[in-house]
Amino acid sequence: QVQLVESGGGLVQAGGSLRLSCIDSGRTFSGYTMGWFRQAPGREREFVALASWVGGITIYADSVKGRFTISRDNAKNAKNTVNLQMNSLEPEDTAVYYCAADRKIASFSGGELEVWGQGTLVTVSS
């Protein structure tokens, strides 16, 4: 059963932009912190960004600060969504991007989260 659905990946030239979205359509994970990880070929999965359910807490990896923006839409009558606006993309950003959710922000530092999406591929050409 798919619970987090990502979209928005694709091929873009260096310097371009993409917007990823992750939807929890059933609001199964209301109250959870949501965020993004990525895994490039031959490399370990790494944290990208997170956004808390309340309080407006956002945290970014140093490698994406100033280029990526994460946002949440968890209004009462809306689907629970997290978006990742990626600007000034570099070939080094090429990876499969995974949406993830957990009840604890601290879980994002260890990479062991309760829920994962299936991933969406982002390819940045030079």
Foldseek 3Di string as FASTA:
>chain_A
DFQKAKDWADEEAAQAKIKMKIWRQVCPPQLKKKAKWWDDPPGDIAGAKIAGNDDGDIDGDPVQPPFKDKDWDPPPPGTTMIMIIGGRDDQVPWTWMKMFIANDPVCNVVVDGDDIGPTDTHGYHD
